[in-house]
Amino acid sequence: MADHAKVSDGADEQHSHSHGVSANADRRYLWGALIALALFMLGEVVVAFITGSLALLSDAGHMLSDVASIGVALWAMTLAARPARGRWTYGFKRAEILAALANGVTLLVLGLVLAVEAVRRLITPPQVHAPPVIVVALVGIAVNFLATWLLAKANRTSLNVRGAYQHILTDLFGFIGTLVAGLVILFTGWTRADALASLVVVALMLRAGWPLVKESGSILLEAAPPDIDLDEVRKHLMDLDHVIDVHDLHVWTLTDGLPAVSAHVVTRDDCFIDGDMPELLDELQDCLRTHFGIEHSTFQLEPGAHAQHEPGMHHH
């Protein structure tokens, strides 16, 4: 018999997991929000050309980023549903994390651009015609409320869906701020209210964007999930019979809600002779499943003497 064996949990191919989104239902919610926002955006463009309003045209450009964020989320969901094949051994599940990262970065960049413009307008406030601003804000609140409601019904444990949701939610608050600013300007003539409302929205965008970038970045950099303690994982595995040591332990996230583990497990030498390996493998996988909710695991089972053949092993 060989002096070591590599074994992997067959659940990788045989089980489906509730890790991203519940595909069909959530796609409908996202498509509904996308259509509502796209129609509103087109309406804004038409009104902007009729009235010659640059402000309305700029807002339509901002709405385009929301439509794009949902479009990216839908595209990522479609990619993530594709099966693994060829050199794409995990399929395209990470597409959802890339989409979430893109939405987070977009929120941060837009927030910084708007912050610069808002400060400029605070110093030199331009003329703002309140009535068109109020009308557009009211319609925008209605449309974004509908879009927010639709996305709130989707599975927001998915980082991908959460990224699109944060885009729309900040826009809803943005239109509420615009409405308040429009009313202040209408009744008092204080045009700086528009810039102040923009700064509030900027703060919301930065607050929403940073966690998306941080969380998606951690997944892409293969960090262990924040709710899983590697020392605890190792301790539980070491408590099993026949296990002498655990090294090269790695825990990472394939995509939302889908953690994976790989480890080298040093066992008693007689396990390779007595036929205890299948039972030990079941115990290892059951330990991870029961205590940490981890279904995807790969173990290399090896005798103690095998360590001298692994100069690059990592102890945890």
C-alpha atoms as a PDB file:
ATOM      1  CA  MET A   1       0.000   0.000   0.000  1.00  0.00           C
ATOM      2  CA  ALA A   2       1.154   3.530  -0.716  1.00  0.00           C
ATOM      3  CA  ASP A   3       2.504   5.469   2.213  1.00  0.00           C
ATOM      4  CA  HIS A   4      -0.051   8.246   1.885  1.00  0.00           C
ATOM      5  CA  ALA A   5      -3.459   8.828   0.314  1.00  0.00           C
ATOM      6  CA  LYS A   6      -5.288  11.878  -0.949  1.00  0.00           C
ATOM      7  CA  VAL A   7      -9.053  11.848  -0.489  1.00  0.00           C
ATOM      8  CA  SER A   8     -11.708  14.380  -1.304  1.00  0.00           C
ATOM      9  CA  ASP A   9     -15.309  14.760  -0.217  1.00  0.00           C
ATOM     10  CA  GLY A  10     -17.526  13.517  -3.035  1.00  0.00           C
ATOM     11  CA  ALA A  11     -20.077  16.149  -2.111  1.00  0.00           C
ATOM     12  CA  ASP A  12     -18.247  18.504  -4.453  1.00  0.00           C
ATOM     13  CA  GLU A  13     -20.036  16.967  -7.412  1.00  0.00           C
ATOM     14  CA  GLN A  14     -23.088  15.331  -5.839  1.00  0.00           C
ATOM     15  CA  HIS A  15     -24.700  17.997  -3.702  1.00  0.00           C
ATOM     16  CA  SER A  16     -26.084  21.384  -4.461  1.00  0.00           C
ATOM     17  CA  HIS A  17     -25.589  24.075  -1.853  1.00  0.00           C
ATOM     18  CA  SER A  18     -27.500  27.214  -1.008  1.00  0.00           C
ATOM     19  CA  HIS A  19     -24.398  29.341  -1.437  1.00  0.00           C
ATOM     20  CA  GLY A  20     -25.163  32.183  -3.768  1.00  0.00           C
ATOM     21  CA  VAL A  21     -28.668  33.033  -4.783  1.00  0.00           C
ATOM     22  CA  SER A  22     -31.809  30.971  -5.371  1.00  0.00           C
ATOM     23  CA  ALA A  23     -31.342  31.398  -9.079  1.00  0.00           C
ATOM     24  CA  ASN A  24     -34.738  31.659 -10.791  1.00  0.00           C
ATOM     25  CA  ALA A  25     -36.584  33.664  -8.129  1.00  0.00           C
ATOM     26  CA  ASP A  26     -33.746  36.106  -7.586  1.00  0.00           C
ATOM     27  CA  ARG A  27     -33.191  36.611 -11.313  1.00  0.00           C
ATOM     28  CA  ARG A  28     -36.815  37.728 -11.623  1.00  0.00           C
ATOM     29  CA  TYR A  29     -36.393  40.257  -8.821  1.00  0.00           C
ATOM     30  CA  LEU A  30     -33.219  41.627 -10.382  1.00  0.00           C
ATOM     31  CA  TRP A  31     -34.762  41.803 -13.860  1.00  0.00           C
ATOM     32  CA  GLY A  32     -37.780  43.665 -12.451  1.00  0.00           C
ATOM     33  CA  ALA A  33     -35.524  46.228 -10.758  1.00  0.00           C
ATOM     34  CA  LEU A  34     -33.358  46.590 -13.877  1.00  0.00           C
ATOM     35  CA  ILE A  35     -36.356  47.247 -16.158  1.00  0.00           C
ATOM     36  CA  ALA A  36     -37.864  49.825 -13.766  1.00  0.00           C
ATOM     37  CA  LEU A  37     -34.579  51.720 -13.452  1.00  0.00           C
ATOM     38  CA  ALA A  38     -33.811  51.537 -17.186  1.00  0.00           C
ATOM     39  CA  LEU A  39     -37.233  52.989 -18.104  1.00  0.00           C
ATOM     40  CA  PHE A  40     -36.784  55.798 -15.590  1.00  0.00           C
ATOM     41  CA  MET A  41     -33.301  56.507 -16.927  1.00  0.00           C
ATOM     42  CA  LEU A  42     -34.587  56.724 -20.521  1.00  0.00           C
ATOM     43  CA  GLY A  43     -37.374  59.039 -19.371  1.00  0.00           C
ATOM     44  CA  GLU A  44     -34.812  61.284 -17.685  1.00  0.00           C
ATOM     45  CA  VAL A  45     -32.758  61.472 -20.873  1.00  0.00           C
ATOM     46  CA  VAL A  46     -35.837  62.486 -22.903  1.00  0.00           C
ATOM     47  CA  VAL A  47     -36.885  65.164 -20.393  1.00  0.00           C
ATOM     48  CA  ALA A  48     -33.287  66.418 -20.146  1.00  0.00           C
ATOM     49  CA  PHE A  49     -33.106  67.014 -23.911  1.00  0.00           C
ATOM     50  CA  ILE A  50     -36.568  68.624 -23.985  1.00  0.00           C
ATOM     51  CA  THR A  51     -35.793  71.013 -21.116  1.00  0.00           C
ATOM     52  CA  GLY A  52     -32.077  71.416 -21.869  1.00  0.00           C
ATOM     53  CA  SER A  53     -31.262  70.447 -18.283  1.00  0.00           C
ATOM     54  CA  LEU A  54     -27.681  69.316 -17.728  1.00  0.00           C
ATOM     55  CA  ALA A  55     -28.547  68.326 -14.149  1.00  0.00           C
ATOM     56  CA  LEU A  56     -31.131  65.815 -15.319  1.00  0.00           C
ATOM     57  CA  LEU A  57     -28.737  64.427 -17.915  1.00  0.00           C
ATOM     58  CA  SER A  58     -26.065  63.999 -15.226  1.00  0.00           C
ATOM     59  CA  ASP A  59     -28.532  62.185 -12.995  1.00  0.00           C
ATOM     60  CA  ALA A  60     -29.400  59.877 -15.889  1.00  0.00           C
ATOM     61  CA  GLY A  61     -25.709  59.041 -16.123  1.00  0.00           C
ATOM     62  CA  HIS A  62     -25.738  58.178 -12.425  1.00  0.00           C
ATOM     63  CA  MET A  63     -28.773  55.949 -12.981  1.00  0.00           C
ATOM     64  CA  LEU A  64     -26.814  54.189 -15.714  1.00  0.00           C
ATOM     65  CA  SER A  65     -24.365  52.966 -13.053  1.00  0.00           C
ATOM     66  CA  ASP A  66     -27.289  51.427 -11.129  1.00  0.00           C
ATOM     67  CA  VAL A  67     -28.578  49.659 -14.230  1.00  0.00           C
ATOM     68  CA  ALA A  68     -25.045  48.443 -14.907  1.00  0.00           C
ATOM     69  CA  SER A  69     -24.646  47.163 -11.325  1.00  0.00           C
ATOM     70  CA  ILE A  70     -27.761  44.994 -11.657  1.00  0.00           C
ATOM     71  CA  GLY A  71     -26.695  43.894 -15.137  1.00  0.00           C
ATOM     72  CA  VAL A  72     -23.307  42.813 -13.757  1.00  0.00           C
ATOM     73  CA  ALA A  73     -25.035  40.936 -10.922  1.00  0.00           C
ATOM     74  CA  LEU A  74     -27.280  39.074 -13.392  1.00  0.00           C
ATOM     75  CA  TRP A  75     -24.314  38.265 -15.630  1.00  0.00           C
ATOM     76  CA  ALA A  76     -22.370  36.928 -12.654  1.00  0.00           C
ATOM     77  CA  MET A  77     -25.320  34.773 -11.552  1.00  0.00           C
ATOM     78  CA  THR A  78     -25.505  33.253 -15.016  1.00  0.00           C
ATOM     79  CA  LEU A  79     -21.772  32.526 -15.034  1.00  0.00           C
ATOM     80  CA  ALA A  80     -21.863  31.077 -11.511  1.00  0.00           C
ATOM     81  CA  ALA A  81     -24.547  28.596 -12.569  1.00  0.00           C
ATOM     82  CA  ARG A  82     -22.330  27.077 -15.268  1.00  0.00           C
ATOM     83  CA  PRO A  83     -20.888  23.654 -14.420  1.00  0.00           C
ATOM     84  CA  ALA A  84     -17.184  23.057 -13.886  1.00  0.00           C
ATOM     85  CA  ARG A  85     -15.382  21.939 -17.017  1.00  0.00           C
ATOM     86  CA  GLY A  86     -11.926  21.915 -18.560  1.00  0.00           C
ATOM     87  CA  ARG A  87      -9.457  24.089 -16.695  1.00  0.00           C
ATOM     88  CA  TRP A  88     -12.302  25.868 -14.852  1.00  0.00           C
ATOM     89  CA  THR A  89     -12.287  23.225 -12.117  1.00  0.00           C
ATOM     90  CA  TYR A  90     -14.532  25.227  -9.782  1.00  0.00           C
ATOM     91  CA  GLY A  91     -16.751  26.511 -12.588  1.00  0.00           C
ATOM     92  CA  PHE A  92     -17.410  30.252 -12.490  1.00  0.00           C
ATOM     93  CA  LYS A  93     -18.661  30.583  -8.903  1.00  0.00           C
ATOM     94  CA  ARG A  94     -16.142  33.365  -8.199  1.00  0.00           C
ATOM     95  CA  ALA A  95     -17.865  35.537 -10.858  1.00  0.00           C
ATOM     96  CA  GLU A  96     -20.331  36.627  -8.174  1.00  0.00           C
ATOM     97  CA  ILE A  97     -17.488  37.790  -5.939  1.00  0.00           C
ATOM     98  CA  LEU A  98     -15.891  39.727  -8.817  1.00  0.00           C
ATOM     99  CA  ALA A  99     -19.255  41.407  -9.485  1.00  0.00           C
ATOM    100  CA  ALA A 100     -19.579  42.364  -5.814  1.00  0.00           C
ATOM    101  CA  LEU A 101     -16.050  43.800  -5.872  1.00  0.00           C
ATOM    102  CA  ALA A 102     -16.874  45.806  -9.013  1.00  0.00           C
ATOM    103  CA  ASN A 103     -20.019  47.209  -7.385  1.00  0.00           C
ATOM    104  CA  GLY A 104     -18.129  48.093  -4.204  1.00  0.00           C
ATOM    105  CA  VAL A 105     -15.328  49.847  -6.100  1.00  0.00           C
ATOM    106  CA  THR A 106     -17.894  51.709  -8.215  1.00  0.00           C
ATOM    107  CA  LEU A 107     -19.636  52.990  -5.082  1.00  0.00           C
ATOM    108  CA  LEU A 108     -16.322  54.224  -3.645  1.00  0.00           C
ATOM    109  CA  VAL A 109     -15.213  55.911  -6.888  1.00  0.00           C
ATOM    110  CA  LEU A 110     -18.597  57.560  -7.483  1.00  0.00           C
ATOM    111  CA  GLY A 111     -18.660  58.672  -3.842  1.00  0.00           C
ATOM    112  CA  LEU A 112     -15.264  60.369  -4.135  1.00  0.00           C
ATOM    113  CA  VAL A 113     -16.175  62.061  -7.445  1.00  0.00           C
ATOM    114  CA  LEU A 114     -19.449  63.338  -5.986  1.00  0.00           C
ATOM    115  CA  ALA A 115     -17.639  64.518  -2.838  1.00  0.00           C
ATOM    116  CA  VAL A 116     -15.275  66.700  -4.907  1.00  0.00           C
ATOM    117  CA  GLU A 117     -18.197  68.148  -6.877  1.00  0.00           C
ATOM    118  CA  ALA A 118     -20.262  68.732  -3.711  1.00  0.00           C
ATOM    119  CA  VAL A 119     -17.416  70.632  -2.028  1.00  0.00           C
ATOM    120  CA  ARG A 120     -16.966  72.723  -5.179  1.00  0.00           C
ATOM    121  CA  ARG A 121     -20.678  73.588  -5.127  1.00  0.00           C
ATOM    122  CA  LEU A 122     -20.552  74.441  -1.452  1.00  0.00           C
ATOM    123  CA  ILE A 123     -17.838  77.005  -2.196  1.00  0.00           C
ATOM    124  CA  THR A 124     -19.460  78.322  -5.370  1.00  0.00           C
ATOM    125  CA  PRO A 125     -23.145  77.329  -5.399  1.00  0.00           C
ATOM    126  CA  PRO A 126     -24.698  77.305  -8.906  1.00  0.00           C
ATOM    127  CA  GLN A 127     -28.259  78.309  -9.759  1.00  0.00           C
ATOM    128  CA  VAL A 128     -30.633  75.393  -9.075  1.00  0.00           C
ATOM    129  CA  HIS A 129     -34.203  75.396 -10.449  1.00  0.00           C
ATOM    130  CA  ALA A 130     -36.167  73.715  -7.696  1.00  0.00           C
ATOM    131  CA  PRO A 131     -39.439  72.554  -9.438  1.00  0.00           C
ATOM    132  CA  PRO A 132     -37.802  70.122 -11.953  1.00  0.00           C
ATOM    133  CA  VAL A 133     -35.530  68.840  -9.171  1.00  0.00           C
ATOM    134  CA  ILE A 134     -38.534  68.122  -6.917  1.00  0.00           C
ATOM    135  CA  VAL A 135     -40.509  66.355  -9.672  1.00  0.00           C
ATOM    136  CA  VAL A 136     -37.572  64.163 -10.699  1.00  0.00           C
ATOM    137  CA  ALA A 137     -36.793  63.401  -7.046  1.00  0.00           C
ATOM    138  CA  LEU A 138     -40.384  62.271  -6.393  1.00  0.00           C
ATOM    139  CA  VAL A 139     -40.404  59.980  -9.424  1.00  0.00           C
ATOM    140  CA  GLY A 140     -36.912  58.753  -8.547  1.00  0.00           C
ATOM    141  CA  ILE A 141     -38.015  57.904  -4.990  1.00  0.00           C
ATOM    142  CA  ALA A 142     -40.956  55.882  -6.341  1.00  0.00           C
ATOM    143  CA  VAL A 143     -38.850  53.987  -8.898  1.00  0.00           C
ATOM    144  CA  ASN A 144     -35.963  53.318  -6.526  1.00  0.00           C
ATOM    145  CA  PHE A 145     -38.368  52.258  -3.776  1.00  0.00           C
ATOM    146  CA  LEU A 146     -39.793  49.683  -6.183  1.00  0.00           C
ATOM    147  CA  ALA A 147     -36.310  48.512  -7.169  1.00  0.00           C
ATOM    148  CA  THR A 148     -35.178  48.371  -3.524  1.00  0.00           C
ATOM    149  CA  TRP A 149     -38.283  46.389  -2.571  1.00  0.00           C
ATOM    150  CA  LEU A 150     -37.628  43.882  -5.358  1.00  0.00           C
ATOM    151  CA  LEU A 151     -33.964  43.416  -4.436  1.00  0.00           C
ATOM    152  CA  ALA A 152     -34.837  43.183  -0.724  1.00  0.00           C
ATOM    153  CA  LYS A 153     -36.880  40.072  -1.575  1.00  0.00           C
ATOM    154  CA  ALA A 154     -33.843  38.460  -3.202  1.00  0.00           C
ATOM    155  CA  ASN A 155     -31.259  36.454  -1.271  1.00  0.00           C
ATOM    156  CA  ARG A 156     -29.050  39.171   0.186  1.00  0.00           C
ATOM    157  CA  THR A 157     -26.778  36.668   1.919  1.00  0.00           C
ATOM    158  CA  SER A 158     -25.228  36.617  -1.567  1.00  0.00           C
ATOM    159  CA  LEU A 159     -22.462  39.203  -1.722  1.00  0.00           C
ATOM    160  CA  ASN A 160     -23.286  39.684  -5.405  1.00  0.00           C
ATOM    161  CA  VAL A 161     -26.957  40.558  -4.789  1.00  0.00           C
ATOM    162  CA  ARG A 162     -25.975  42.678  -1.779  1.00  0.00           C
ATOM    163  CA  GLY A 163     -23.691  44.759  -4.000  1.00  0.00           C
ATOM    164  CA  ALA A 164     -26.514  45.595  -6.423  1.00  0.00           C
ATOM    165  CA  TYR A 165     -28.870  46.217  -3.490  1.00  0.00           C
ATOM    166  CA  GLN A 166     -26.481  48.716  -1.874  1.00  0.00           C
ATOM    167  CA  HIS A 167     -26.250  50.618  -5.174  1.00  0.00           C
ATOM    168  CA  ILE A 168     -30.034  50.995  -5.376  1.00  0.00           C
ATOM    169  CA  LEU A 169     -30.508  51.716  -1.671  1.00  0.00           C
ATOM    170  CA  THR A 170     -27.995  54.581  -1.731  1.00  0.00           C
ATOM    171  CA  ASP A 171     -29.780  55.979  -4.782  1.00  0.00           C
ATOM    172  CA  LEU A 172     -33.094  55.869  -2.898  1.00  0.00           C
ATOM    173  CA  PHE A 173     -31.557  57.860  -0.043  1.00  0.00           C
ATOM    174  CA  GLY A 174     -30.001  60.131  -2.648  1.00  0.00           C
ATOM    175  CA  PHE A 175     -33.361  61.008  -4.175  1.00  0.00           C
ATOM    176  CA  ILE A 176     -34.830  61.590  -0.699  1.00  0.00           C
ATOM    177  CA  GLY A 177     -31.960  63.993  -0.021  1.00  0.00           C
ATOM    178  CA  THR A 178     -32.525  65.645  -3.401  1.00  0.00           C
ATOM    179  CA  LEU A 179     -36.223  66.112  -2.585  1.00  0.00           C
ATOM    180  CA  VAL A 180     -35.401  67.744   0.762  1.00  0.00           C
ATOM    181  CA  ALA A 181     -32.804  69.964  -0.897  1.00  0.00           C
ATOM    182  CA  GLY A 182     -35.260  70.930  -3.654  1.00  0.00           C
ATOM    183  CA  LEU A 183     -37.901  71.908  -1.102  1.00  0.00           C
ATOM    184  CA  VAL A 184     -35.370  73.940   0.914  1.00  0.00           C
ATOM    185  CA  ILE A 185     -34.254  75.765  -2.241  1.00  0.00           C
ATOM    186  CA  LEU A 186     -37.865  76.358  -3.333  1.00  0.00           C
ATOM    187  CA  PHE A 187     -38.939  77.926  -0.036  1.00  0.00           C
ATOM    188  CA  THR A 188     -35.707  79.610   1.107  1.00  0.00           C
ATOM    189  CA  GLY A 189     -33.555  80.038  -2.000  1.00  0.00           C
ATOM    190  CA  TRP A 190     -30.567  78.517  -0.134  1.00  0.00           C
ATOM    191  CA  THR A 191     -28.899  76.621  -2.997  1.00  0.00           C
ATOM    192  CA  ARG A 192     -26.138  75.123  -0.856  1.00  0.00           C
ATOM    193  CA  ALA A 193     -28.731  72.646   0.408  1.00  0.00           C
ATOM    194  CA  ASP A 194     -28.170  70.690  -2.822  1.00  0.00           C
ATOM    195  CA  ALA A 195     -24.458  70.206  -2.069  1.00  0.00           C
ATOM    196  CA  LEU A 196     -25.100  69.278   1.571  1.00  0.00           C
ATOM    197  CA  ALA A 197     -27.598  66.614   0.491  1.00  0.00           C
ATOM    198  CA  SER A 198     -24.968  65.258  -1.905  1.00  0.00           C
ATOM    199  CA  LEU A 199     -22.402  64.964   0.923  1.00  0.00           C
ATOM    200  CA  VAL A 200     -24.868  62.908   2.976  1.00  0.00           C
ATOM    201  CA  VAL A 201     -25.309  60.559   0.028  1.00  0.00           C
ATOM    202  CA  VAL A 202     -21.520  60.376  -0.397  1.00  0.00           C
ATOM    203  CA  ALA A 203     -21.176  59.226   3.218  1.00  0.00           C
ATOM    204  CA  LEU A 204     -23.786  56.511   2.584  1.00  0.00           C
ATOM    205  CA  MET A 205     -22.022  55.383  -0.599  1.00  0.00           C
ATOM    206  CA  LEU A 206     -18.657  55.079   1.149  1.00  0.00           C
ATOM    207  CA  ARG A 207     -20.277  53.244   4.079  1.00  0.00           C
ATOM    208  CA  ALA A 208     -21.907  50.760   1.679  1.00  0.00           C
ATOM    209  CA  GLY A 209     -18.961  50.364  -0.705  1.00  0.00           C
ATOM    210  CA  TRP A 210     -16.127  49.696   1.745  1.00  0.00           C
ATOM    211  CA  PRO A 211     -17.570  46.494   3.332  1.00  0.00           C
ATOM    212  CA  LEU A 212     -18.261  45.103  -0.157  1.00  0.00           C
ATOM    213  CA  VAL A 213     -14.669  45.719  -1.243  1.00  0.00           C
ATOM    214  CA  LYS A 214     -13.266  44.381   2.039  1.00  0.00           C
ATOM    215  CA  GLU A 215     -15.354  41.195   2.069  1.00  0.00           C
ATOM    216  CA  SER A 216     -14.953  40.359  -1.623  1.00  0.00           C
ATOM    217  CA  GLY A 217     -11.223  41.141  -1.412  1.00  0.00           C
ATOM    218  CA  SER A 218     -10.837  38.729   1.513  1.00  0.00           C
ATOM    219  CA  ILE A 219     -12.518  35.956  -0.473  1.00  0.00           C
ATOM    220  CA  LEU A 220     -10.391  36.598  -3.561  1.00  0.00           C
ATOM    221  CA  LEU A 221      -7.232  36.567  -1.412  1.00  0.00           C
ATOM    222  CA  GLU A 222      -8.261  33.168   0.019  1.00  0.00           C
ATOM    223  CA  ALA A 223      -8.578  34.407   3.616  1.00  0.00           C
ATOM    224  CA  ALA A 224     -10.306  32.106   6.076  1.00  0.00           C
ATOM    225  CA  PRO A 225     -13.978  33.020   6.661  1.00  0.00           C
ATOM    226  CA  PRO A 226     -14.268  35.362   9.658  1.00  0.00           C
ATOM    227  CA  ASP A 227     -16.604  32.974  11.500  1.00  0.00           C
ATOM    228  CA  ILE A 228     -14.190  30.016  11.329  1.00  0.00           C
ATOM    229  CA  ASP A 229     -11.263  29.788  13.763  1.00  0.00           C
ATOM    230  CA  LEU A 230      -8.410  27.725  12.272  1.00  0.00           C
ATOM    231  CA  ASP A 231      -7.121  26.795  15.733  1.00  0.00           C
ATOM    232  CA  GLU A 232     -10.560  25.429  16.617  1.00  0.00           C
ATOM    233  CA  VAL A 233     -10.724  23.448  13.373  1.00  0.00           C
ATOM    234  CA  ARG A 234      -7.301  21.941  14.032  1.00  0.00           C
ATOM    235  CA  LYS A 235      -8.210  21.140  17.665  1.00  0.00           C
ATOM    236  CA  HIS A 236     -11.375  19.293  16.624  1.00  0.00           C
ATOM    237  CA  LEU A 237      -9.522  17.257  14.008  1.00  0.00           C
ATOM    238  CA  MET A 238      -6.699  16.442  16.470  1.00  0.00           C
ATOM    239  CA  ASP A 239      -9.257  15.109  18.990  1.00  0.00           C
ATOM    240  CA  LEU A 240     -10.210  12.262  16.655  1.00  0.00           C
ATOM    241  CA  ASP A 241      -8.823   8.792  17.259  1.00  0.00           C
ATOM    242  CA  HIS A 242      -5.788   7.780  15.196  1.00  0.00           C
ATOM    243  CA  VAL A 243      -4.906  11.449  14.397  1.00  0.00           C
ATOM    244  CA  ILE A 244      -1.394  12.402  15.509  1.00  0.00           C
ATOM    245  CA  ASP A 245      -0.983  15.795  13.830  1.00  0.00           C
ATOM    246  CA  VAL A 246      -2.650  18.184  11.385  1.00  0.00           C
ATOM    247  CA  HIS A 247      -0.593  20.511   9.204  1.00  0.00           C
ATOM    248  CA  ASP A 248      -0.932  22.482   5.974  1.00  0.00           C
ATOM    249  CA  LEU A 249      -4.444  23.350   7.108  1.00  0.00           C
ATOM    250  CA  HIS A 250      -6.193  25.783   4.776  1.00  0.00           C
ATOM    251  CA  VAL A 251      -9.731  27.182   4.986  1.00  0.00           C
ATOM    252  CA  TRP A 252     -11.039  29.470   2.281  1.00  0.00           C
ATOM    253  CA  THR A 253     -14.276  30.504   0.594  1.00  0.00           C
ATOM    254  CA  LEU A 254     -15.125  29.496  -2.960  1.00  0.00           C
ATOM    255  CA  THR A 255     -18.077  31.876  -3.053  1.00  0.00           C
ATOM    256  CA  ASP A 256     -20.660  33.113  -0.514  1.00  0.00           C
ATOM    257  CA  GLY A 257     -21.664  30.412   1.937  1.00  0.00           C
ATOM    258  CA  LEU A 258     -19.360  27.797   0.398  1.00  0.00           C
ATOM    259  CA  PRO A 259     -16.245  27.329   2.585  1.00  0.00           C
ATOM    260  CA  ALA A 260     -13.683  24.663   1.764  1.00  0.00           C
ATOM    261  CA  VAL A 261     -10.921  22.946   3.731  1.00  0.00           C
ATOM    262  CA  SER A 262      -7.748  21.103   2.810  1.00  0.00           C
ATOM    263  CA  ALA A 263      -5.302  19.571   5.264  1.00  0.00           C
ATOM    264  CA  HIS A 264      -2.546  17.003   5.720  1.00  0.00           C
ATOM    265  CA  VAL A 265      -3.519  14.608   8.514  1.00  0.00           C
ATOM    266  CA  VAL A 266      -0.795  12.506  10.125  1.00  0.00           C
ATOM    267  CA  THR A 267      -2.200   9.187  11.383  1.00  0.00           C
ATOM    268  CA  ARG A 268      -0.892   6.177  13.229  1.00  0.00           C
ATOM    269  CA  ASP A 269       1.063   3.886  10.907  1.00  0.00           C
ATOM    270  CA  ASP A 270      -1.163   0.896  11.622  1.00  0.00           C
ATOM    271  CA  CYS A 271      -4.146   2.737  10.057  1.00  0.00           C
ATOM    272  CA  PHE A 272      -2.638   1.954   6.674  1.00  0.00           C
ATOM    273  CA  ILE A 273      -2.457  -1.745   7.550  1.00  0.00           C
ATOM    274  CA  ASP A 274      -5.640  -2.324   9.550  1.00  0.00           C
ATOM    275  CA  GLY A 275      -7.958  -0.698   6.987  1.00  0.00           C
ATOM    276  CA  ASP A 276      -9.103   2.112   9.309  1.00  0.00           C
ATOM    277  CA  MET A 277      -8.682   4.841   6.666  1.00  0.00           C
ATOM    278  CA  PRO A 278     -12.268   4.879   5.283  1.00  0.00           C
ATOM    279  CA  GLU A 279     -13.704   5.160   8.796  1.00  0.00           C
ATOM    280  CA  LEU A 280     -11.226   7.919   9.724  1.00  0.00           C
ATOM    281  CA  LEU A 281     -12.082   9.845   6.558  1.00  0.00           C
ATOM    282  CA  ASP A 282     -15.788   9.687   7.446  1.00  0.00           C
ATOM    283  CA  GLU A 283     -14.992  10.968  10.941  1.00  0.00           C
ATOM    284  CA  LEU A 284     -12.883  13.855   9.605  1.00  0.00           C
ATOM    285  CA  GLN A 285     -15.562  14.995   7.185  1.00  0.00           C
ATOM    286  CA  ASP A 286     -18.356  14.519   9.733  1.00  0.00           C
ATOM    287  CA  CYS A 287     -16.375  16.607  12.235  1.00  0.00           C
ATOM    288  CA  LEU A 288     -16.136  19.541   9.812  1.00  0.00           C
ATOM    289  CA  ARG A 289     -19.752  19.191   8.749  1.00  0.00           C
ATOM    290  CA  THR A 290     -21.120  18.979  12.301  1.00  0.00           C
ATOM    291  CA  HIS A 291     -19.036  21.616  14.069  1.00  0.00           C
ATOM    292  CA  PHE A 292     -18.317  24.115  11.292  1.00  0.00           C
ATOM    293  CA  GLY A 293     -20.901  23.490   8.556  1.00  0.00           C
ATOM    294  CA  ILE A 294     -18.150  22.747   6.023  1.00  0.00           C
ATOM    295  CA  GLU A 295     -19.161  20.293   3.291  1.00  0.00           C
ATOM    296  CA  HIS A 296     -16.203  20.621   0.902  1.00  0.00           C
ATOM    297  CA  SER A 297     -13.014  19.076   2.247  1.00  0.00           C
ATOM    298  CA  THR A 298      -9.861  17.435   0.916  1.00  0.00           C
ATOM    299  CA  PHE A 299      -7.485  15.512   3.169  1.00  0.00           C
ATOM    300  CA  GLN A 300      -4.090  13.984   2.603  1.00  0.00           C
ATOM    301  CA  LEU A 301      -3.709  11.107   5.053  1.00  0.00           C
ATOM    302  CA  GLU A 302      -0.107  10.217   5.781  1.00  0.00           C
ATOM    303  CA  PRO A 303       2.090   8.328   8.245  1.00  0.00           C
ATOM    304  CA  GLY A 304       4.448  10.240  10.519  1.00  0.00           C
ATOM    305  CA  ALA A 305       7.524   9.398   8.487  1.00  0.00           C
ATOM    306  CA  HIS A 306       6.092  11.142   5.455  1.00  0.00           C
ATOM    307  CA  ALA A 307       6.841  14.589   6.938  1.00  0.00           C
ATOM    308  CA  GLN A 308      10.479  14.344   5.886  1.00  0.00           C
ATOM    309  CA  HIS A 309       9.310  14.285   2.255  1.00  0.00           C
ATOM    310  CA  GLU A 310       7.478  17.619   2.668  1.00  0.00           C
ATOM    311  CA  PRO A 311      10.101  20.364   3.018  1.00  0.00           C
ATOM    312  CA  GLY A 312       7.553  23.057   2.221  1.00  0.00           C
ATOM    313  CA  MET A 313       4.846  22.092   4.675  1.00  0.00           C
ATOM    314  CA  HIS A 314       3.177  24.808   6.733  1.00  0.00           C
ATOM    315  CA  HIS A 315       2.297  24.340  10.388  1.00  0.00           C
ATOM    316  CA  HIS A 316      -0.590  26.241  11.928  1.00  0.00           C
END
